[in-house]
Amino acid sequence: MCRPDWDRYFLDLCEAVSKRATCDRGKCGCVIVKNKRIMTTGYVGAPAGLSHCDEAGHDMRKVIDFNDKTTQHCVRTLHAEQNAILQAARFGIPLDGSTLFCKMTPCRTCAMMIINAGIKRVVCEKRYHADLDTIDLFQQAEVTLDIKNDKVEKYSCQ
């Protein structure tokens, strides 16, 4: 068996982290790394102390994107990227100059958080169905985006 490169290693860890996710839609994990060392992780889940999807069910809302396309989103949970960044903030871990690994291209809100956290590189396994804003934001902010597989991630009630 071949030893994985660093990107594959950290993407594989995202898969392990995602097993803690409490929303089965787009079940994701995130790992933030600096100098090949894990700074923080996060997975999809409700804020601490609040009911999770696997306990209370999904809180589905219709969202209209920038192309006037209506999609369904569960708003009960935070995204894996958000939880990883928030964990770093909570425990005083600086993320400036780090790399974020995740399952799919971050959404627009996560992209803005990533930029403001000082993260300089994002590595994704696949594409998110509404990632054009994210790609543009990252280009403007000079955040390197590396998508390993150009396929769009599919999940239920998308």
Protein backbone atom coordinates (compact mmCIF):
# COMPACT_ATOMS: atom_id res chain seq x y z
CA MET A 1 0.00 0.00 0.00
CA CYS A 2 1.29 3.43 -0.99
CA ARG A 3 1.84 6.08 1.66
CA PRO A 4 -0.67 8.94 1.08
CA ASP A 5 0.55 12.47 0.39
CA TRP A 6 -0.32 15.12 2.99
CA ASP A 7 -3.46 16.34 1.18
CA ARG A 8 -4.86 12.80 0.95
CA TYR A 9 -3.94 12.12 4.58
CA PHE A 10 -5.85 15.17 5.86
CA LEU A 11 -8.81 14.60 3.50
CA ASP A 12 -9.04 11.05 4.85
CA LEU A 13 -9.09 12.48 8.37
CA CYS A 14 -12.04 14.68 7.31
CA GLU A 15 -13.94 11.49 6.52
CA ALA A 16 -13.22 10.14 10.01
CA VAL A 17 -14.28 13.45 11.64
CA SER A 18 -17.52 13.45 9.61
CA LYS A 19 -18.66 10.31 11.42
CA ARG A 20 -19.48 12.55 14.42
CA ALA A 21 -21.88 14.68 12.31
CA THR A 22 -25.45 14.83 13.63
CA CYS A 23 -27.16 15.86 10.37
CA ASP A 24 -27.21 13.22 7.65
CA ARG A 25 -27.53 15.76 4.82
CA GLY A 26 -24.12 16.47 3.35
CA LYS A 27 -22.46 14.78 6.34
CA CYS A 28 -19.08 16.53 6.47
CA GLY A 29 -15.96 16.87 8.53
CA CYS A 30 -13.26 19.53 8.44
CA VAL A 31 -9.62 19.59 9.50
CA ILE A 32 -7.56 22.79 9.76
CA VAL A 33 -3.81 22.32 9.55
CA LYS A 34 -0.74 24.51 9.88
CA ASN A 35 2.77 23.25 9.13
CA LYS A 36 1.37 19.70 8.75
CA ARG A 37 -0.04 19.81 12.29
CA ILE A 38 -3.74 19.61 13.12
CA MET A 39 -4.95 22.85 14.70
CA THR A 40 -8.65 22.01 14.99
CA THR A 41 -11.45 19.86 13.58
CA GLY A 42 -15.18 20.32 13.10
CA TYR A 43 -18.21 18.44 11.89
CA VAL A 44 -21.79 19.27 10.96
CA GLY A 45 -23.86 19.69 14.10
CA ALA A 46 -26.16 21.94 16.12
CA PRO A 47 -24.74 24.53 18.53
CA ALA A 48 -23.69 23.08 21.90
CA GLY A 49 -26.65 22.27 24.12
CA LEU A 50 -29.25 22.47 21.33
CA SER A 51 -31.10 19.57 19.73
CA HIS A 52 -29.41 17.84 16.82
CA CYS A 53 -31.08 16.63 13.62
CA ASP A 54 -30.68 13.01 14.63
CA GLU A 55 -32.72 13.85 17.78
CA ALA A 56 -35.25 16.48 16.62
CA GLY A 57 -35.31 16.05 12.84
CA HIS A 58 -34.24 18.48 10.16
CA ASP A 59 -35.22 22.16 10.19
CA MET A 60 -35.62 22.53 6.43
CA ARG A 61 -35.89 25.95 4.78
CA LYS A 62 -36.15 27.05 1.18
CA VAL A 63 -33.27 29.29 0.13
CA ILE A 64 -33.04 31.30 -3.08
CA ASP A 65 -29.45 31.55 -4.34
CA PHE A 66 -27.81 34.27 -6.44
CA ASN A 67 -29.11 32.64 -9.65
CA ASP A 68 -32.70 32.70 -8.31
CA LYS A 69 -32.54 28.91 -7.90
CA THR A 70 -34.52 27.61 -4.92
CA THR A 71 -32.82 24.90 -2.85
CA GLN A 72 -33.59 23.17 0.44
CA HIS A 73 -31.28 23.65 3.43
CA CYS A 74 -31.32 22.32 6.98
CA VAL A 75 -30.68 25.33 9.24
CA ARG A 76 -30.51 23.43 12.55
CA THR A 77 -26.77 22.84 12.21
CA LEU A 78 -23.51 24.67 11.71
CA HIS A 79 -21.27 23.58 8.86
CA ALA A 80 -18.11 21.60 9.60
CA GLU A 81 -15.95 24.56 8.52
CA GLN A 82 -17.82 26.91 10.87
CA ASN A 83 -17.46 24.52 13.80
CA ALA A 84 -13.72 24.08 13.17
CA ILE A 85 -13.15 27.86 13.03
CA LEU A 86 -15.29 28.40 16.14
CA GLN A 87 -13.39 25.73 18.07
CA ALA A 88 -10.14 27.50 17.21
CA ALA A 89 -11.59 30.81 18.43
CA ARG A 90 -12.91 29.26 21.62
CA PHE A 91 -9.55 27.78 22.55
CA GLY A 92 -7.34 30.62 21.30
CA ILE A 93 -5.80 28.78 18.34
CA PRO A 94 -4.63 31.18 15.61
CA LEU A 95 -5.46 30.03 12.09
CA ASP A 96 -3.56 32.69 10.12
CA GLY A 97 -1.70 31.04 7.23
CA SER A 98 -3.31 27.64 7.75
CA THR A 99 -4.91 25.16 5.34
CA LEU A 100 -8.52 23.95 5.64
CA PHE A 101 -9.48 20.47 4.40
CA CYS A 102 -13.13 19.59 3.77
CA LYS A 103 -15.48 17.31 1.84
CA MET A 104 -16.81 19.89 -0.63
CA THR A 105 -16.27 23.49 -1.64
CA PRO A 106 -17.36 25.66 1.29
CA CYS A 107 -20.58 27.66 0.99
CA ARG A 108 -20.44 31.46 0.61
CA THR A 109 -20.83 32.11 4.35
CA CYS A 110 -18.09 29.62 5.25
CA ALA A 111 -15.87 31.14 2.55
CA MET A 112 -16.17 34.57 4.15
CA MET A 113 -15.34 33.10 7.57
CA ILE A 114 -12.34 31.28 6.09
CA ILE A 115 -11.05 34.50 4.56
CA ASN A 116 -11.45 36.47 7.81
CA ALA A 117 -9.81 33.70 9.84
CA GLY A 118 -6.66 34.15 7.72
CA ILE A 119 -6.78 30.67 6.20
CA LYS A 120 -4.73 30.76 2.99
CA ARG A 121 -5.50 27.42 1.32
CA VAL A 122 -8.61 25.26 1.06
CA VAL A 123 -8.48 21.65 -0.15
CA CYS A 124 -11.78 19.94 -1.02
CA GLU A 125 -12.64 16.43 -2.10
CA LYS A 126 -15.53 17.53 -4.38
CA ARG A 127 -17.54 20.56 -5.49
CA TYR A 128 -20.58 22.06 -3.77
CA HIS A 129 -23.57 22.64 -6.07
CA ALA A 130 -23.58 26.40 -5.37
CA ASP A 131 -19.87 27.21 -5.21
CA LEU A 132 -19.44 29.97 -7.82
CA ASP A 133 -19.54 32.75 -5.21
CA THR A 134 -17.01 30.89 -3.09
CA ILE A 135 -14.62 30.45 -6.01
CA ASP A 136 -14.88 34.17 -6.80
CA LEU A 137 -14.41 35.23 -3.17
CA PHE A 138 -11.35 33.03 -2.77
CA GLN A 139 -9.82 34.43 -5.96
CA GLN A 140 -10.38 38.00 -4.77
CA ALA A 141 -8.91 37.23 -1.32
CA GLU A 142 -6.01 35.20 -2.76
CA VAL A 143 -7.03 32.02 -0.97
CA THR A 144 -5.77 29.02 -2.91
CA LEU A 145 -8.56 26.54 -3.71
CA ASP A 146 -7.62 22.96 -4.62
CA ILE A 147 -10.56 20.73 -5.62
CA LYS A 148 -9.38 17.13 -5.97
CA ASN A 149 -12.43 15.78 -7.85
CA ASP A 150 -14.45 18.11 -10.11
CA LYS A 151 -17.69 16.19 -9.41
CA VAL A 152 -20.50 17.91 -7.49
CA GLU A 153 -21.35 16.29 -4.15
CA LYS A 154 -24.91 14.92 -4.11
CA TYR A 155 -27.04 14.52 -0.99
CA SER A 156 -30.70 14.10 -0.08
CA CYS A 157 -33.20 16.97 -0.56
CA GLN A 158 -30.59 19.11 -2.34
